[in-house]
Amino acid sequence: MTLADLPAGRTGTDGSAVVRLLSYNIRSMRDDRRALARVIRACAPDVVCVQEAPRFFRWRKHAAWLARECGLVYVTGGATATGPMILSSLRPTVESTRDVLLPHTPGLHRRGFATAVLRFGPSARLGVLSCHLSLQTDERQAQGRMLLDELAALGTEHTVAAGDLNERPRGKTFRALASKLQDCWAVEPWGGEYTSTPRDPHQRIDAVLASRGVEVLGCGVPDGLDGITPSDLCAATDHLPVLAALRVPSGTGA
């Protein structure tokens, strides 16, 4: 699959939906915000799972600016989830949202999940979770287990978790998640593999992970997509984005 072949978001005649989902650690928008917006717009996402969203003074204003500049709307998260956030286009109907604060280990940054249930067309429902797991091994492993529990609690047959796992694919937490969910890059690689760092990509620590019933049409770093330049990727933040095209069947459970 070439970069130009990644399917656009659309709803099929059978009620299924192709969803373009972007996962992106934006480092609290401390870098070049306009380069960041250009990268996101060029990916034409239906859903964006953000990590390290602004979460301090006037964080809602910054989140609203990013959504507006990218032609998206705020769904949930940000400071209320200690960093993870979900944005979307106007295409899905937001059925529910929930921000989850995870147990706090003294001396470490508190983590959370931003979650939403989105419906595309009449009946293609997708549970979405944006995450940023701990740098500390034991805490990260516990958060990986909680991630699976939260996906199950969304009550949708089809789910996707996306974010900064702070671990490579051979790590214990990454492997545990990939044993229950599809590691979308491994299933249908597209674009680039490594997400860290933009100036020296050498490791994959960001991922999109989908439940078994979701069809993965392509997933990877959009480093050669029209409208995205190497200079913008380097200027926007300290991670590379991960873009996936997913086909969600119709008639998912309540």
C-alpha atoms as a PDB file:
ATOM      1  CA  MET A   1       0.000   0.000   0.000  1.00  0.00           C
ATOM      2  CA  THR A   2       1.414   3.393  -1.000  1.00  0.00           C
ATOM      3  CA  LEU A   3       0.890   6.486   1.095  1.00  0.00           C
ATOM      4  CA  ALA A   4      -1.699   7.771  -1.331  1.00  0.00           C
ATOM      5  CA  ASP A   5      -3.680   4.517  -0.999  1.00  0.00           C
ATOM      6  CA  LEU A   6      -4.733   4.939   2.637  1.00  0.00           C
ATOM      7  CA  PRO A   7      -8.547   5.016   2.435  1.00  0.00           C
ATOM      8  CA  ALA A   8     -10.481   8.152   3.271  1.00  0.00           C
ATOM      9  CA  GLY A   9     -13.149   8.063   5.940  1.00  0.00           C
ATOM     10  CA  ARG A  10     -16.514   7.004   4.593  1.00  0.00           C
ATOM     11  CA  THR A  11     -19.658   5.019   5.414  1.00  0.00           C
ATOM     12  CA  GLY A  12     -20.432   2.026   3.214  1.00  0.00           C
ATOM     13  CA  THR A  13     -23.763   0.955   1.812  1.00  0.00           C
ATOM     14  CA  ASP A  14     -23.701  -1.961   4.273  1.00  0.00           C
ATOM     15  CA  GLY A  15     -23.484   0.439   7.215  1.00  0.00           C
ATOM     16  CA  SER A  16     -19.814  -0.230   7.952  1.00  0.00           C
ATOM     17  CA  ALA A  17     -17.530   2.774   8.383  1.00  0.00           C
ATOM     18  CA  VAL A  18     -13.937   3.475   7.402  1.00  0.00           C
ATOM     19  CA  VAL A  19     -12.454   5.634  10.151  1.00  0.00           C
ATOM     20  CA  ARG A  20      -9.159   7.501   9.887  1.00  0.00           C
ATOM     21  CA  LEU A  21      -7.701   7.679  13.388  1.00  0.00           C
ATOM     22  CA  LEU A  22      -4.593   9.665  14.302  1.00  0.00           C
ATOM     23  CA  SER A  23      -2.562   9.231  17.490  1.00  0.00           C
ATOM     24  CA  TYR A  24      -0.213  12.097  18.368  1.00  0.00           C
ATOM     25  CA  ASN A  25       1.836  13.151  21.399  1.00  0.00           C
ATOM     26  CA  ILE A  26       1.836  16.958  21.053  1.00  0.00           C
ATOM     27  CA  ARG A  27       4.066  17.856  24.053  1.00  0.00           C
ATOM     28  CA  SER A  28       1.549  20.341  25.479  1.00  0.00           C
ATOM     29  CA  MET A  29       1.789  22.422  22.281  1.00  0.00           C
ATOM     30  CA  ARG A  30       5.134  23.823  23.442  1.00  0.00           C
ATOM     31  CA  ASP A  31       6.665  23.616  19.964  1.00  0.00           C
ATOM     32  CA  ASP A  32       5.498  25.032  16.605  1.00  0.00           C
ATOM     33  CA  ARG A  33       1.709  25.028  16.946  1.00  0.00           C
ATOM     34  CA  ARG A  34       1.056  25.950  13.340  1.00  0.00           C
ATOM     35  CA  ALA A  35       3.299  23.135  12.087  1.00  0.00           C
ATOM     36  CA  LEU A  36       1.371  20.811  14.415  1.00  0.00           C
ATOM     37  CA  ALA A  37      -1.950  21.949  12.944  1.00  0.00           C
ATOM     38  CA  ARG A  38      -0.649  21.521   9.385  1.00  0.00           C
ATOM     39  CA  VAL A  39       0.388  17.921  10.089  1.00  0.00           C
ATOM     40  CA  ILE A  40      -2.963  17.039  11.637  1.00  0.00           C
ATOM     41  CA  ARG A  41      -4.957  18.674   8.824  1.00  0.00           C
ATOM     42  CA  ALA A  42      -2.934  16.847   6.163  1.00  0.00           C
ATOM     43  CA  CYS A  43      -3.804  13.502   7.806  1.00  0.00           C
ATOM     44  CA  ALA A  44      -7.545  14.252   7.336  1.00  0.00           C
ATOM     45  CA  PRO A  45      -8.496  12.333  10.491  1.00  0.00           C
ATOM     46  CA  ASP A  46     -11.988  11.493  11.671  1.00  0.00           C
ATOM     47  CA  VAL A  47     -10.654  10.998  15.204  1.00  0.00           C
ATOM     48  CA  VAL A  48      -7.487  12.236  16.928  1.00  0.00           C
ATOM     49  CA  CYS A  49      -6.189  10.598  20.098  1.00  0.00           C
ATOM     50  CA  VAL A  50      -3.928  13.231  21.636  1.00  0.00           C
ATOM     51  CA  GLN A  51      -1.331  12.706  24.341  1.00  0.00           C
ATOM     52  CA  GLU A  52       0.228  15.501  26.404  1.00  0.00           C
ATOM     53  CA  ALA A  53      -2.581  17.916  25.614  1.00  0.00           C
ATOM     54  CA  PRO A  54      -2.369  21.268  27.421  1.00  0.00           C
ATOM     55  CA  ARG A  55      -3.495  20.765  31.015  1.00  0.00           C
ATOM     56  CA  PHE A  56      -2.583  23.863  32.978  1.00  0.00           C
ATOM     57  CA  PHE A  57      -3.505  27.583  32.728  1.00  0.00           C
ATOM     58  CA  ARG A  58      -6.236  28.187  30.109  1.00  0.00           C
ATOM     59  CA  TRP A  59      -5.898  24.671  28.788  1.00  0.00           C
ATOM     60  CA  ARG A  60      -9.401  24.708  27.303  1.00  0.00           C
ATOM     61  CA  LYS A  61      -8.505  27.757  25.227  1.00  0.00           C
ATOM     62  CA  HIS A  62      -5.453  25.984  23.795  1.00  0.00           C
ATOM     63  CA  ALA A  63      -7.440  22.813  23.077  1.00  0.00           C
ATOM     64  CA  ALA A  64     -10.118  24.863  21.327  1.00  0.00           C
ATOM     65  CA  TRP A  65      -7.475  26.620  19.210  1.00  0.00           C
ATOM     66  CA  LEU A  66      -6.002  23.309  18.076  1.00  0.00           C
ATOM     67  CA  ALA A  67      -9.406  21.846  17.235  1.00  0.00           C
ATOM     68  CA  ARG A  68     -10.422  24.944  15.292  1.00  0.00           C
ATOM     69  CA  GLU A  69      -7.162  25.152  13.336  1.00  0.00           C
ATOM     70  CA  CYS A  70      -7.474  21.483  12.368  1.00  0.00           C
ATOM     71  CA  GLY A  71     -11.152  21.651  11.402  1.00  0.00           C
ATOM     72  CA  LEU A  72     -12.093  19.412  14.333  1.00  0.00           C
ATOM     73  CA  VAL A  73     -14.110  19.600  17.544  1.00  0.00           C
ATOM     74  CA  TYR A  74     -13.200  18.832  21.142  1.00  0.00           C
ATOM     75  CA  VAL A  75     -14.722  15.578  22.418  1.00  0.00           C
ATOM     76  CA  THR A  76     -13.198  14.931  25.853  1.00  0.00           C
ATOM     77  CA  GLY A  77     -10.012  14.860  27.930  1.00  0.00           C
ATOM     78  CA  GLY A  78      -7.122  17.255  28.367  1.00  0.00           C
ATOM     79  CA  ALA A  79      -6.537  18.401  31.929  1.00  0.00           C
ATOM     80  CA  THR A  80      -9.490  16.294  33.095  1.00  0.00           C
ATOM     81  CA  ALA A  81      -7.592  13.154  32.013  1.00  0.00           C
ATOM     82  CA  THR A  82      -4.134  14.573  32.900  1.00  0.00           C
ATOM     83  CA  GLY A  83      -3.086  14.815  29.251  1.00  0.00           C
ATOM     84  CA  PRO A  84      -4.902  12.375  26.967  1.00  0.00           C
ATOM     85  CA  MET A  85      -7.572  14.043  24.831  1.00  0.00           C
ATOM     86  CA  ILE A  86      -9.895  13.104  21.966  1.00  0.00           C
ATOM     87  CA  LEU A  87     -10.817  15.356  19.039  1.00  0.00           C
ATOM     88  CA  SER A  88     -13.024  14.452  16.099  1.00  0.00           C
ATOM     89  CA  SER A  89     -14.454  15.739  12.863  1.00  0.00           C
ATOM     90  CA  LEU A  90     -18.177  16.469  12.660  1.00  0.00           C
ATOM     91  CA  ARG A  91     -18.686  13.055  11.075  1.00  0.00           C
ATOM     92  CA  PRO A  92     -19.292  10.889  14.179  1.00  0.00           C
ATOM     93  CA  THR A  93     -22.053  11.234  16.724  1.00  0.00           C
ATOM     94  CA  VAL A  94     -20.632  11.336  20.247  1.00  0.00           C
ATOM     95  CA  GLU A  95     -22.716   8.898  22.286  1.00  0.00           C
ATOM     96  CA  SER A  96     -20.775   9.144  25.543  1.00  0.00           C
ATOM     97  CA  THR A  97     -17.492  10.316  27.060  1.00  0.00           C
ATOM     98  CA  ARG A  98     -15.582   9.477  30.217  1.00  0.00           C
ATOM     99  CA  ASP A  99     -12.267  10.689  31.584  1.00  0.00           C
ATOM    100  CA  VAL A 100     -10.492   8.239  33.890  1.00  0.00           C
ATOM    101  CA  LEU A 101      -7.849   9.169  36.469  1.00  0.00           C
ATOM    102  CA  LEU A 102      -5.529   6.263  37.241  1.00  0.00           C
ATOM    103  CA  PRO A 103      -4.065   5.491  40.672  1.00  0.00           C
ATOM    104  CA  HIS A 104      -1.270   7.897  41.503  1.00  0.00           C
ATOM    105  CA  THR A 105       2.206   6.757  42.519  1.00  0.00           C
ATOM    106  CA  PRO A 106       3.852   9.456  44.688  1.00  0.00           C
ATOM    107  CA  GLY A 107       6.736  11.078  42.883  1.00  0.00           C
ATOM    108  CA  LEU A 108       5.475  10.123  39.420  1.00  0.00           C
ATOM    109  CA  HIS A 109       3.266  12.009  36.993  1.00  0.00           C
ATOM    110  CA  ARG A 110      -0.399  11.110  37.389  1.00  0.00           C
ATOM    111  CA  ARG A 111      -1.864   9.370  34.341  1.00  0.00           C
ATOM    112  CA  GLY A 112      -5.331   8.998  32.911  1.00  0.00           C
ATOM    113  CA  PHE A 113      -7.413   7.863  29.956  1.00  0.00           C
ATOM    114  CA  ALA A 114      -9.743   9.874  27.732  1.00  0.00           C
ATOM    115  CA  THR A 115     -12.545   7.668  26.412  1.00  0.00           C
ATOM    116  CA  ALA A 116     -15.521   8.090  24.115  1.00  0.00           C
ATOM    117  CA  VAL A 117     -18.089   6.029  22.261  1.00  0.00           C
ATOM    118  CA  LEU A 118     -18.543   7.338  18.713  1.00  0.00           C
ATOM    119  CA  ARG A 119     -21.142   6.306  16.142  1.00  0.00           C
ATOM    120  CA  PHE A 120     -20.459   6.589  12.419  1.00  0.00           C
ATOM    121  CA  GLY A 121     -23.516   6.512  10.217  1.00  0.00           C
ATOM    122  CA  PRO A 122     -26.576   4.699  11.545  1.00  0.00           C
ATOM    123  CA  SER A 123     -24.940   1.847  13.440  1.00  0.00           C
ATOM    124  CA  ALA A 124     -21.128   1.569  13.269  1.00  0.00           C
ATOM    125  CA  ARG A 125     -20.072   2.180  16.867  1.00  0.00           C
ATOM    126  CA  LEU A 126     -16.481   2.490  18.039  1.00  0.00           C
ATOM    127  CA  GLY A 127     -15.163   2.796  21.579  1.00  0.00           C
ATOM    128  CA  VAL A 128     -12.045   5.004  21.608  1.00  0.00           C
ATOM    129  CA  LEU A 129      -9.403   5.356  24.323  1.00  0.00           C
ATOM    130  CA  SER A 130      -6.451   7.762  24.278  1.00  0.00           C
ATOM    131  CA  CYS A 131      -3.590   6.882  26.628  1.00  0.00           C
ATOM    132  CA  HIS A 132      -0.105   7.865  27.742  1.00  0.00           C
ATOM    133  CA  LEU A 133       1.401   5.117  29.869  1.00  0.00           C
ATOM    134  CA  SER A 134       3.957   5.496  32.637  1.00  0.00           C
ATOM    135  CA  LEU A 135       7.718   5.597  32.250  1.00  0.00           C
ATOM    136  CA  GLN A 136       7.990   3.310  35.295  1.00  0.00           C
ATOM    137  CA  THR A 137       7.820  -0.392  34.432  1.00  0.00           C
ATOM    138  CA  ASP A 138       5.578  -1.741  37.203  1.00  0.00           C
ATOM    139  CA  GLU A 139       3.149   1.160  36.980  1.00  0.00           C
ATOM    140  CA  ARG A 140       3.033   0.853  33.189  1.00  0.00           C
ATOM    141  CA  GLN A 141       2.160  -2.834  33.416  1.00  0.00           C
ATOM    142  CA  ALA A 142      -0.681  -2.097  35.836  1.00  0.00           C
ATOM    143  CA  GLN A 143      -1.945   0.669  33.547  1.00  0.00           C
ATOM    144  CA  GLY A 144      -1.924  -1.733  30.612  1.00  0.00           C
ATOM    145  CA  ARG A 145      -4.266  -4.042  32.525  1.00  0.00           C
ATOM    146  CA  MET A 146      -6.504  -1.099  33.428  1.00  0.00           C
ATOM    147  CA  LEU A 147      -6.565  -0.044  29.772  1.00  0.00           C
ATOM    148  CA  LEU A 148      -8.055  -3.398  28.786  1.00  0.00           C
ATOM    149  CA  ASP A 149     -10.612  -3.120  31.581  1.00  0.00           C
ATOM    150  CA  GLU A 150     -11.634   0.370  30.468  1.00  0.00           C
ATOM    151  CA  LEU A 151     -12.050  -0.746  26.857  1.00  0.00           C
ATOM    152  CA  ALA A 152     -14.343  -3.538  28.041  1.00  0.00           C
ATOM    153  CA  ALA A 153     -16.299  -1.063  30.173  1.00  0.00           C
ATOM    154  CA  LEU A 154     -17.128   1.061  27.119  1.00  0.00           C
ATOM    155  CA  GLY A 155     -19.759  -1.512  26.213  1.00  0.00           C
ATOM    156  CA  THR A 156     -19.030  -1.555  22.480  1.00  0.00           C
ATOM    157  CA  GLU A 157     -18.165  -4.620  20.452  1.00  0.00           C
ATOM    158  CA  HIS A 158     -15.447  -2.742  18.560  1.00  0.00           C
ATOM    159  CA  THR A 159     -12.810  -0.650  20.289  1.00  0.00           C
ATOM    160  CA  VAL A 160      -9.495   1.046  19.670  1.00  0.00           C
ATOM    161  CA  ALA A 161      -6.805   2.291  22.045  1.00  0.00           C
ATOM    162  CA  ALA A 162      -4.172   4.693  20.773  1.00  0.00           C
ATOM    163  CA  GLY A 163      -1.319   6.512  22.378  1.00  0.00           C
ATOM    164  CA  ASP A 164       2.185   6.769  23.714  1.00  0.00           C
ATOM    165  CA  LEU A 165       2.959   3.440  25.378  1.00  0.00           C
ATOM    166  CA  ASN A 166       6.461   4.500  26.490  1.00  0.00           C
ATOM    167  CA  GLU A 167       7.601   1.013  25.512  1.00  0.00           C
ATOM    168  CA  ARG A 168       8.810  -0.816  22.422  1.00  0.00           C
ATOM    169  CA  PRO A 169       6.923  -3.779  20.920  1.00  0.00           C
ATOM    170  CA  ARG A 170       9.080  -6.362  22.748  1.00  0.00           C
ATOM    171  CA  GLY A 171       8.238  -4.829  26.112  1.00  0.00           C
ATOM    172  CA  LYS A 172       6.008  -6.741  28.513  1.00  0.00           C
ATOM    173  CA  THR A 173       3.142  -4.226  28.515  1.00  0.00           C
ATOM    174  CA  PHE A 174       3.166  -3.764  24.737  1.00  0.00           C
ATOM    175  CA  ARG A 175       3.151  -7.547  24.245  1.00  0.00           C
ATOM    176  CA  ALA A 176       0.319  -7.995  26.742  1.00  0.00           C
ATOM    177  CA  LEU A 177      -1.810  -5.435  24.927  1.00  0.00           C
ATOM    178  CA  ALA A 178      -0.972  -6.911  21.516  1.00  0.00           C
ATOM    179  CA  SER A 179      -2.041 -10.361  22.742  1.00  0.00           C
ATOM    180  CA  LYS A 180      -5.572  -9.048  23.311  1.00  0.00           C
ATOM    181  CA  LEU A 181      -5.776  -6.381  20.604  1.00  0.00           C
ATOM    182  CA  GLN A 182      -4.457  -5.984  17.064  1.00  0.00           C
ATOM    183  CA  ASP A 183      -1.208  -4.028  16.833  1.00  0.00           C
ATOM    184  CA  CYS A 184      -2.295  -2.158  13.728  1.00  0.00           C
ATOM    185  CA  TRP A 185       1.213  -1.484  12.401  1.00  0.00           C
ATOM    186  CA  ALA A 186       2.080  -5.181  12.614  1.00  0.00           C
ATOM    187  CA  VAL A 187      -1.195  -6.176  10.915  1.00  0.00           C
ATOM    188  CA  GLU A 188      -1.106  -3.762   7.951  1.00  0.00           C
ATOM    189  CA  PRO A 189       2.046  -1.591   7.861  1.00  0.00           C
ATOM    190  CA  TRP A 190       1.807   1.651   5.901  1.00  0.00           C
ATOM    191  CA  GLY A 191       4.090   4.678   5.952  1.00  0.00           C
ATOM    192  CA  GLY A 192       6.887   4.741   8.488  1.00  0.00           C
ATOM    193  CA  GLU A 193       7.386   2.551  11.551  1.00  0.00           C
ATOM    194  CA  TYR A 194       9.370   4.518  14.121  1.00  0.00           C
ATOM    195  CA  THR A 195       7.704   7.277  16.156  1.00  0.00           C
ATOM    196  CA  SER A 196      10.548   8.603  18.287  1.00  0.00           C
ATOM    197  CA  THR A 197      12.250  10.943  17.741  1.00  0.00           C
ATOM    198  CA  PRO A 198      11.309  13.067  14.689  1.00  0.00           C
ATOM    199  CA  ARG A 199      14.931  14.014  13.990  1.00  0.00           C
ATOM    200  CA  ASP A 200      16.250  10.495  14.590  1.00  0.00           C
ATOM    201  CA  PRO A 201      13.436   7.927  14.278  1.00  0.00           C
ATOM    202  CA  HIS A 202      14.736   4.730  15.866  1.00  0.00           C
ATOM    203  CA  GLN A 203      11.989   3.258  18.044  1.00  0.00           C
ATOM    204  CA  ARG A 204       8.261   2.576  17.955  1.00  0.00           C
ATOM    205  CA  ILE A 205       6.720   3.585  21.283  1.00  0.00           C
ATOM    206  CA  ASP A 206       3.389   4.943  19.967  1.00  0.00           C
ATOM    207  CA  ALA A 207       0.705   2.598  18.698  1.00  0.00           C
ATOM    208  CA  VAL A 208      -2.864   2.091  17.549  1.00  0.00           C
ATOM    209  CA  LEU A 209      -4.400  -1.097  18.970  1.00  0.00           C
ATOM    210  CA  ALA A 210      -7.795  -2.309  17.713  1.00  0.00           C
ATOM    211  CA  SER A 211     -10.143  -5.066  18.842  1.00  0.00           C
ATOM    212  CA  ARG A 212     -10.315  -8.210  16.723  1.00  0.00           C
ATOM    213  CA  GLY A 213     -13.469  -7.363  14.795  1.00  0.00           C
ATOM    214  CA  VAL A 214     -12.043  -4.126  13.391  1.00  0.00           C
ATOM    215  CA  GLU A 215     -10.437  -4.477   9.958  1.00  0.00           C
ATOM    216  CA  VAL A 216      -7.075  -2.709   9.752  1.00  0.00           C
ATOM    217  CA  LEU A 217      -6.627  -1.138   6.308  1.00  0.00           C
ATOM    218  CA  GLY A 218      -3.295   0.541   7.012  1.00  0.00           C
ATOM    219  CA  CYS A 219      -1.309   2.043   9.901  1.00  0.00           C
ATOM    220  CA  GLY A 220       1.951   3.925  10.311  1.00  0.00           C
ATOM    221  CA  VAL A 221       3.766   7.227  10.414  1.00  0.00           C
ATOM    222  CA  PRO A 222       2.526   9.514   7.591  1.00  0.00           C
ATOM    223  CA  ASP A 223       5.999  10.814   6.814  1.00  0.00           C
ATOM    224  CA  GLY A 224       5.490  10.902   3.052  1.00  0.00           C
ATOM    225  CA  LEU A 225       1.843  11.920   2.851  1.00  0.00           C
ATOM    226  CA  ASP A 226       0.953  14.877   0.651  1.00  0.00           C
ATOM    227  CA  GLY A 227       0.947  18.083   2.677  1.00  0.00           C
ATOM    228  CA  ILE A 228       3.321  16.778   5.354  1.00  0.00           C
ATOM    229  CA  THR A 229       6.936  17.929   5.247  1.00  0.00           C
ATOM    230  CA  PRO A 230       9.910  16.660   7.261  1.00  0.00           C
ATOM    231  CA  SER A 231      10.417  20.180   8.610  1.00  0.00           C
ATOM    232  CA  ASP A 232       6.854  20.319   9.969  1.00  0.00           C
ATOM    233  CA  LEU A 233       7.196  16.879  11.578  1.00  0.00           C
ATOM    234  CA  CYS A 234      10.372  17.989  13.326  1.00  0.00           C
ATOM    235  CA  ALA A 235       8.973  21.360  14.374  1.00  0.00           C
ATOM    236  CA  ALA A 236       5.554  20.228  15.593  1.00  0.00           C
ATOM    237  CA  THR A 237       6.504  18.105  18.646  1.00  0.00           C
ATOM    238  CA  ASP A 238       8.956  15.460  19.882  1.00  0.00           C
ATOM    239  CA  HIS A 239       6.992  12.439  18.582  1.00  0.00           C
ATOM    240  CA  LEU A 240       5.891  11.371  15.134  1.00  0.00           C
ATOM    241  CA  PRO A 241       2.173  10.764  14.599  1.00  0.00           C
ATOM    242  CA  VAL A 242       0.566   7.402  13.848  1.00  0.00           C
ATOM    243  CA  LEU A 243      -2.292   7.344  11.330  1.00  0.00           C
ATOM    244  CA  ALA A 244      -4.573   4.336  10.876  1.00  0.00           C
ATOM    245  CA  ALA A 245      -7.489   3.539   8.588  1.00  0.00           C
ATOM    246  CA  LEU A 246      -9.924   1.144  10.252  1.00  0.00           C
ATOM    247  CA  ARG A 247     -13.115  -0.445   8.968  1.00  0.00           C
ATOM    248  CA  VAL A 248     -15.742  -0.745  11.719  1.00  0.00           C
ATOM    249  CA  PRO A 249     -18.615  -3.153  11.009  1.00  0.00           C
ATOM    250  CA  SER A 250     -22.196  -1.976  11.328  1.00  0.00           C
ATOM    251  CA  GLY A 251     -24.581  -3.125  13.985  1.00  0.00           C
ATOM    252  CA  THR A 252     -22.122  -3.150  16.913  1.00  0.00           C
ATOM    253  CA  GLY A 253     -23.496  -4.021  20.282  1.00  0.00           C
ATOM    254  CA  ALA A 254     -24.935  -1.558  22.780  1.00  0.00           C
END
